Amino acid sequence: ADVTYTESNEDSQRFIGAASLKRSINPYSSFNIDSTLSVVGYDKAFKTDYNVITTGLRYNRELPYGFFSGSAGYNGFDFETGKTKNDPYFDLNLSLDIGGASSIELTGAYKLTDLALESFNPLYTRLLEGLDINTLLDKTTERGSSGVYRVTRWFGAYNYKGERFSSSIHSFSNRQRYFDGTLENDHDENGLGISAAYE
């Protein structure tokens, strides 16, 4: 279980509580029932308060040469204006050693979410490393948006790590569409990257 309370520079308060129940199937696999409650309140009248309840099932599996994790469930959004939205979601993560010093990684997601909830997602947290979560939350709401968006995301990488030399080739796509129609906040990101290091 985890509980977080934050205040941002945009006069907003967020309370997030998360709980997880784990059931082991065997030494290599397990199921989790995950539930998260997020309560978002704004001091400014032109921004809409909302609550989010997320409930889902997660499957974890240690593979002979890697790891797989997948989750699916529903997000329920309840806005102060009376508008509600129930939306399915899924997350997938696959990591495989493919021989020698090489490995591949694949992740994907489809969900209605906001940046605070994403920070609780272990498949997404690393994208926020080194960034100020309050600054990011402010950016999503600076034009009066509720901050709720539907994201379609995937990431793939080939990694090589030798004794002295390491390299990575990765590609990603991130598509965000805001639920309240704040079109100026919608954006698409696509990229291809190559990195190398010698020690």
Protein backbone atom coordinates (compact mmCIF):
# COMPACT_ATOMS: atom_id res chain seq x y z
CA ALA A 1 0.00 0.00 0.00
CA ASP A 2 1.13 3.55 -0.66
CA VAL A 3 -0.28 7.02 0.05
CA THR A 4 0.88 10.32 -1.47
CA TYR A 5 -0.27 13.91 -1.05
CA THR A 6 1.08 16.70 -3.28
CA GLU A 7 0.46 20.40 -3.85
CA SER A 8 1.50 21.99 -7.14
CA ASN A 9 2.29 25.56 -8.13
CA GLU A 10 -1.06 25.70 -9.94
CA ASP A 11 -2.97 25.71 -6.63
CA SER A 12 -4.03 22.08 -6.84
CA GLN A 13 -4.01 19.30 -4.29
CA ARG A 14 -3.77 15.61 -5.09
CA PHE A 15 -4.28 12.65 -2.80
CA ILE A 16 -3.32 9.23 -4.17
CA GLY A 17 -3.78 5.97 -2.33
CA ALA A 18 -2.72 2.64 -3.84
CA ALA A 19 -3.10 -0.94 -2.63
CA SER A 20 -2.15 -4.29 -4.11
CA LEU A 21 -3.01 -7.89 -3.19
CA LYS A 22 -0.61 -10.55 -4.49
CA ARG A 23 -1.26 -14.24 -5.07
CA SER A 24 1.63 -16.52 -6.04
CA ILE A 25 0.78 -19.30 -8.49
CA ASN A 26 4.18 -20.95 -8.38
CA PRO A 27 7.79 -19.79 -7.77
CA TYR A 28 7.83 -18.16 -11.21
CA SER A 29 4.48 -16.41 -11.59
CA SER A 30 1.93 -14.41 -9.63
CA PHE A 31 -1.28 -12.40 -9.93
CA ASN A 32 -1.91 -9.00 -8.38
CA ILE A 33 -5.18 -7.20 -7.81
CA ASP A 34 -4.31 -3.50 -7.91
CA SER A 35 -6.51 -0.59 -6.86
CA THR A 36 -5.77 3.15 -6.84
CA LEU A 37 -7.82 6.14 -5.66
CA SER A 38 -6.85 9.62 -6.83
CA VAL A 39 -8.62 12.75 -5.54
CA VAL A 40 -7.77 15.98 -7.39
CA GLY A 41 -8.91 19.42 -6.24
CA TYR A 42 -8.18 22.86 -7.70
CA ASP A 43 -8.37 26.22 -5.95
CA LYS A 44 -9.11 28.01 -9.23
CA ALA A 45 -12.73 28.06 -10.37
CA PHE A 46 -12.02 27.46 -14.08
CA LYS A 47 -10.45 24.07 -13.39
CA THR A 48 -12.53 20.98 -12.76
CA ASP A 49 -12.03 18.77 -9.69
CA TYR A 50 -12.24 15.03 -10.27
CA ASN A 51 -11.79 11.63 -8.61
CA VAL A 52 -10.35 8.50 -10.20
CA ILE A 53 -10.76 4.88 -9.12
CA THR A 54 -8.58 2.33 -10.90
CA THR A 55 -9.02 -1.41 -10.47
CA GLY A 56 -7.19 -4.08 -12.40
CA LEU A 57 -5.51 -7.46 -12.55
CA ARG A 58 -1.76 -7.83 -13.12
CA TYR A 59 0.10 -10.98 -14.12
CA ASN A 60 3.85 -11.33 -13.53
CA ARG A 61 5.95 -14.15 -14.96
CA GLU A 62 9.65 -14.89 -14.69
CA LEU A 63 10.76 -16.42 -17.97
CA PRO A 64 13.79 -18.68 -18.51
CA TYR A 65 15.58 -15.73 -20.09
CA GLY A 66 13.58 -12.70 -19.07
CA PHE A 67 10.42 -11.30 -17.50
CA PHE A 68 6.84 -10.58 -18.56
CA SER A 69 4.25 -8.37 -16.86
CA GLY A 70 0.80 -7.44 -18.11
CA SER A 71 -2.16 -5.69 -16.54
CA ALA A 72 -5.72 -4.87 -17.57
CA GLY A 73 -8.67 -3.25 -15.86
CA TYR A 74 -10.87 -0.17 -15.73
CA ASN A 75 -10.38 3.46 -14.80
CA GLY A 76 -13.44 5.28 -13.49
CA PHE A 77 -13.35 9.10 -13.69
CA ASP A 78 -15.91 11.19 -11.80
CA PHE A 79 -15.79 14.94 -12.57
CA GLU A 80 -17.26 17.68 -10.38
CA THR A 81 -19.38 18.80 -13.35
CA GLY A 82 -21.30 15.51 -13.16
CA LYS A 83 -19.56 13.97 -16.17
CA THR A 84 -18.30 10.42 -15.69
CA LYS A 85 -16.15 8.14 -17.82
CA ASN A 86 -15.29 4.45 -17.42
CA ASP A 87 -12.49 3.33 -19.68
CA PRO A 88 -10.54 0.06 -20.06
CA TYR A 89 -6.77 0.05 -19.84
CA PHE A 90 -3.83 -2.26 -20.39
CA ASP A 91 -0.07 -2.27 -19.79
CA LEU A 92 2.42 -4.79 -21.17
CA ASN A 93 6.12 -5.26 -20.47
CA LEU A 94 8.45 -7.90 -21.91
CA SER A 95 12.18 -8.19 -21.32
CA LEU A 96 14.23 -11.00 -22.89
CA ASP A 97 17.87 -12.02 -22.98
CA ILE A 98 18.39 -13.22 -26.54
CA GLY A 99 21.86 -14.65 -26.16
CA GLY A 100 25.31 -13.51 -25.24
CA ALA A 101 25.26 -9.92 -24.04
CA SER A 102 22.12 -8.93 -25.98
CA SER A 103 18.59 -8.28 -24.78
CA ILE A 104 15.36 -6.78 -26.05
CA GLU A 105 12.64 -4.84 -24.27
CA LEU A 106 9.06 -4.16 -25.36
CA THR A 107 6.40 -2.13 -23.52
CA GLY A 108 2.97 -0.89 -24.48
CA ALA A 109 0.02 0.89 -22.89
CA TYR A 110 -3.47 2.14 -23.65
CA LYS A 111 -5.36 4.01 -20.94
CA LEU A 112 -7.25 7.07 -19.78
CA THR A 113 -5.04 8.58 -17.09
CA ASP A 114 -3.26 11.65 -15.78
CA LEU A 115 0.38 12.32 -15.00
CA ALA A 116 0.02 11.74 -11.26
CA LEU A 117 -1.40 8.25 -11.83
CA GLU A 118 1.31 7.54 -14.40
CA SER A 119 3.95 8.22 -11.77
CA PHE A 120 2.59 5.18 -9.87
CA ASN A 121 3.02 2.98 -12.94
CA PRO A 122 6.28 0.99 -12.73
CA LEU A 123 6.38 0.74 -16.53
CA TYR A 124 6.33 4.54 -16.84
CA THR A 125 8.11 5.78 -13.72
CA ARG A 126 11.55 5.67 -15.29
CA LEU A 127 10.42 8.25 -17.88
CA LEU A 128 9.89 10.69 -15.01
CA GLU A 129 13.27 10.10 -13.34
CA GLY A 130 15.11 13.35 -12.76
CA LEU A 131 12.01 15.48 -13.49
CA ASP A 132 9.96 17.58 -11.04
CA ILE A 133 6.53 15.92 -10.82
CA ASN A 134 4.89 19.21 -9.77
CA THR A 135 6.33 21.00 -12.80
CA LEU A 136 4.97 18.30 -15.08
CA LEU A 137 1.55 18.43 -13.42
CA ASP A 138 1.49 22.21 -13.84
CA LYS A 139 2.25 21.92 -17.56
CA THR A 140 -0.69 19.58 -18.12
CA THR A 141 -3.11 22.04 -16.48
CA GLU A 142 -1.70 25.44 -17.42
CA ARG A 143 -4.37 26.03 -20.10
CA GLY A 144 -7.30 25.04 -17.90
CA SER A 145 -7.27 21.36 -18.85
CA SER A 146 -8.43 18.82 -16.29
CA GLY A 147 -5.16 17.00 -16.95
CA VAL A 148 -6.95 13.77 -17.93
CA TYR A 149 -5.86 12.23 -21.23
CA ARG A 150 -5.98 8.99 -23.19
CA VAL A 151 -2.51 7.69 -23.96
CA THR A 152 -1.45 5.11 -26.52
CA ARG A 153 2.21 4.29 -26.00
CA TRP A 154 4.81 1.73 -27.04
CA PHE A 155 8.55 1.40 -26.58
CA GLY A 156 11.03 -1.08 -28.01
CA ALA A 157 14.78 -1.45 -27.50
CA TYR A 158 17.68 -3.69 -28.41
CA ASN A 159 20.46 -3.55 -25.82
CA TYR A 160 24.01 -4.88 -25.87
CA LYS A 161 26.23 -4.87 -22.78
CA GLY A 162 29.72 -6.31 -23.01
CA GLU A 163 32.59 -6.17 -20.56
CA ARG A 164 33.74 -2.76 -21.82
CA PHE A 165 31.36 -1.72 -24.60
CA SER A 166 27.59 -1.20 -24.40
CA SER A 167 25.03 0.10 -26.88
CA SER A 168 21.28 0.54 -27.30
CA ILE A 169 18.92 1.11 -30.20
CA HIS A 170 15.41 2.14 -29.18
CA SER A 171 12.21 3.42 -30.73
CA PHE A 172 9.08 4.84 -29.12
CA SER A 173 5.69 6.37 -29.84
CA ASN A 174 3.53 8.35 -27.41
CA ARG A 175 0.08 9.70 -28.36
CA GLN A 176 -1.95 11.78 -25.88
CA ARG A 177 -5.51 13.03 -26.40
CA TYR A 178 -7.10 15.09 -23.62
CA PHE A 179 -10.52 13.97 -22.43
CA ASP A 180 -11.98 17.47 -22.01
CA GLY A 181 -11.21 18.52 -25.60
CA THR A 182 -8.28 20.79 -24.76
CA LEU A 183 -6.84 20.29 -28.23
CA GLU A 184 -3.86 22.58 -27.74
CA ASN A 185 -2.54 20.14 -25.12
CA ASP A 186 -2.84 17.08 -27.42
CA HIS A 187 0.45 15.86 -28.78
CA ASP A 188 2.22 13.03 -30.55
CA GLU A 189 5.80 12.00 -29.95
CA ASN A 190 7.77 9.51 -32.03
CA GLY A 191 11.46 8.84 -31.85
CA LEU A 192 14.41 6.65 -32.69
CA GLY A 193 17.61 6.72 -30.66
CA ILE A 194 21.05 5.12 -30.64
CA SER A 195 23.51 5.27 -27.75
CA ALA A 196 26.92 3.73 -27.10
CA ALA A 197 29.48 3.77 -24.31
CA TYR A 198 32.95 2.40 -23.75
CA GLU A 199 34.43 1.98 -20.29
